[in-house]
Amino acid sequence: MPALACCVDAAAVAPPGYAAFFAGDSSLPSAVPFSASTADAADSNSTHWSPAHSSALYRIDGWGAPYFSVNNAGNITVRPYGTDTLAHQEIDLLKIVKKVSDPKSVGGLGLQLPLIVRVPDVLKNRLESLQSAFESAIQAQGYESHYQGVYPVKCNQDRFVVEDIVKFGAPFRFGLEAGSKPELLLAMSCLCKGNPEALLVCNGFKDAEYIFLALLARKLALNTVIVLEEEEEVDLVIEISKKLSVRPVIGVRAKLRTKHSGHFGSTSGEKGKFGLTTIQILRVVKRLQDSGMLDCLQLLHFHIGSQIPSTALLQAGVVEAAQIYSELVRLGADMKVIDIGGGLGIDYDGSKSGNSDLSVSYGLQEYASAVVNAVRFVCDRKSIKHPIICSESGRAIVSHHSILIFEAMSATAPTTPAMNQVDLPFILEGLSEDARVDCWNLSQAAMRHETESCFVYADQLKQRCVEQFKEGTLGIEQLAAVDGLCDLVSKVVDASEPARTYHVNLSIFTSIPDFWSIGQIFPIVPIHRLDERPEVRGILSDLTCDSDGKIDKFIGGETSLPLHGLEGNGGGSSGGANGRYYLGMFLGGAYQESLGGVHNLFGGPSVVSVSQSDGPYSFAVTRAAPGPSCGDVLRVMQHEPELMFETLKHRAEEFCGQDHGNEGTHAALVSTIARSFHNMPYLVAASPCSLTAMNNNGFYYCNEEDYNAAVDSGASEDEQWSYCYA
């Protein structure tokens, strides 16, 4: 660091009363390139970088097992059958992106990114694994009833997700849980094709219409249970069931004392949002008894909170609930089911930790064994019949099967000048005496290797210069030179490359809302080039005009992500990306789609479903849907795209259609406006054939073919608009 003073005359630098500046070494320590220090087991110092290094660096074997891995080409693959997946059955995510994004003219689907890839085979494997875990625990412990789960549709209400769960879960009576009237309607409809014994659990706050629908579902031979969240709901159930001549099945949600202390535990404990206290439960029992309907009370429900970190907390809650269950049996209720709610967590960061909201210290088998053991222990002690065990696991079922893929469009790095580019005499010309003192102190601290002092004096110097600039006594050139000097100090002191900003074609508010709203961290990894050493670190900045639209926290407590440079893009063996750089956000199948908004009017991604296939690419796209267009998101905010188009068309005729001989240009302009309503709001990546500037008064078309088609179009206005939505 002595080089900070080498380029300036001592008398020019030292403020009055200070000794002359000393001469120093003009060499600067070189920046330390990114080193995968977190991947010691992978020998990151090796000159050869392999996919195994990347797998360790990004902890893929931790959070990704058994569904994600890295192949020899350096691409992330999906293992649709978990541990039972054979090598030739792995699905290469980069090949999916190529198939989906390639133009239709070359056999692709022509869809635009960002993209959600759903893998129903993974969804099925998650259901079967959960069922198998409980069946194994029940058999091992001699439990005398069975497990019968339900999926809470709030986690992902997508039609095809819910329909797949009903279909895949039919062999073991897997049902659905609803928490609102529209969720109840979709659950009723889907379960008409499910197992007749599958449970339809009705949670959430209820009015007369909700209860009417739930009782109607029972009349339609659906195995419906109305769970009381508030004491007043029991009166509505009694009244409406008598009017409909339907004998209801009723459950109560208990407000347990057992409390989950993490972020997701706010719904637990005595002051939780949901459930009935013991006093309220007793009043409900009395009300049902007085109405001759105590036999209708058959289910006890509770929920400790999402992402339960350990089986110790889980068992404590289940034991408390099982004790309430046994007391309800003693009071005369015809109890049959104990619903342990959600809480089955997943390991977002691969740490297998019980002290974090991002991880859990158990697997499916440990979870199931803890639940079965706790219920069996209490019931055996009270000599009551073992109940059916129901759980409402949503996050653990749907998270793994959905992958969000998006593209890094560009990257910017802090520009730090070289030592010989710092003109200290020029900087000092206009500085105040206080600023000169800061500059002197900064140099002295650098010579003494006092890191913290360097940052303090650099910050003071910048602040004084900003004030001078505001007062008009310092020019923008000098201010920029001071900024460069301070950046150089920061680089020398840190001796590391600052994180770059990667601009991604995505809206965090739309596609990863939990990161913005509650700080939920998901694993984000390049889906290709993992056979190359990542040479930089970066943060991700989205398209929105919002300072919160960035991701600067990653698994492992990192504030930046190891990434590859965009220059050249694809110099390694992982070809097929056409010079583009794709990232994947994993384990985001729960909540993100339903919670996402339309900030800046960016809509949702395109969506494809992919199933394992024995074909040459190991997959088949079974369903594909483009993301919402600009017109679609405008409609969400009550705008009318057709009328907007007419307004703009008439405006174009008024200002651009009067010049004779430019009729073709006018037609092309109108067609371009119409196409803009049809296109997705996201950026279109530049390519050799895109954004070709034609000699057309400054208007741009994707290619010459589009331009000619627009000019030659003889279609009517209505036909042009219809073409946009074809």
Foldseek 3Di string as FASTA:
>chain_A
DLLLPAQDWQVLQDFPPDDGRDHDDNDFQAFDWDFLPQQVVLVRVDPFFFLVSLCSSLVCVQQPAQFWGADRLFFIWGQLQGPPRDPLQTFGVLVVVLQACPDVVVNHVNFDDFEKEFALSNLLNLLVVLQVLLVVLCVVVVADAGAEAAAECQFPVPLVSVLSCQVSCQVPQYAYEYADQVRLVSRLVSCVPHHLNREYEYHHDDDLVSLLSQQVSVVVSHNYEYEDFDLVVLVSNLVNCVVVVGQAAYEFEAADQQFQPDPFGQQHHPPHPTGDYPVSVVVSCVVCVVSVRLQSYAEYEYERGAQQAELVSVLVVLLRSLLVVLVSVVSPYNYAEYEDEEHPYGQQQSPLGSPDSRHHVDDSNSNSNSNSVSNVVNCVVSVHHRHHYYYHYHLSSFLFRMKGKWFQQAKAFDDADRSVVQDVSVLSPQADSVLSVLSVQLSVCVVVLPLVSNLVSLVVNLVRVVVCVVVVSDDPVSSVSSVNSSVNSVCSSVSHGDAMEGEIQDFCLAQVVCCLPPNHAGSKFWSRPSSPFQGHWYWYAYDAPDPSRIQQAHRPRGRTHRHHHLVVAPPDSNDSNQSITMMMTGSSRTNNNVRHDQHVHAWDAKYWYWYADPDPSRIDTPDTDHTQASLRSVVVVVDHVVVVLVVVLVVCCVPPVPDPPLQLLSQLVSLVSLLNRLHGPTDDHDDPAQQDQDPRVGDTGGHVVSSVCSSPDPDDPVVSNVVSVD
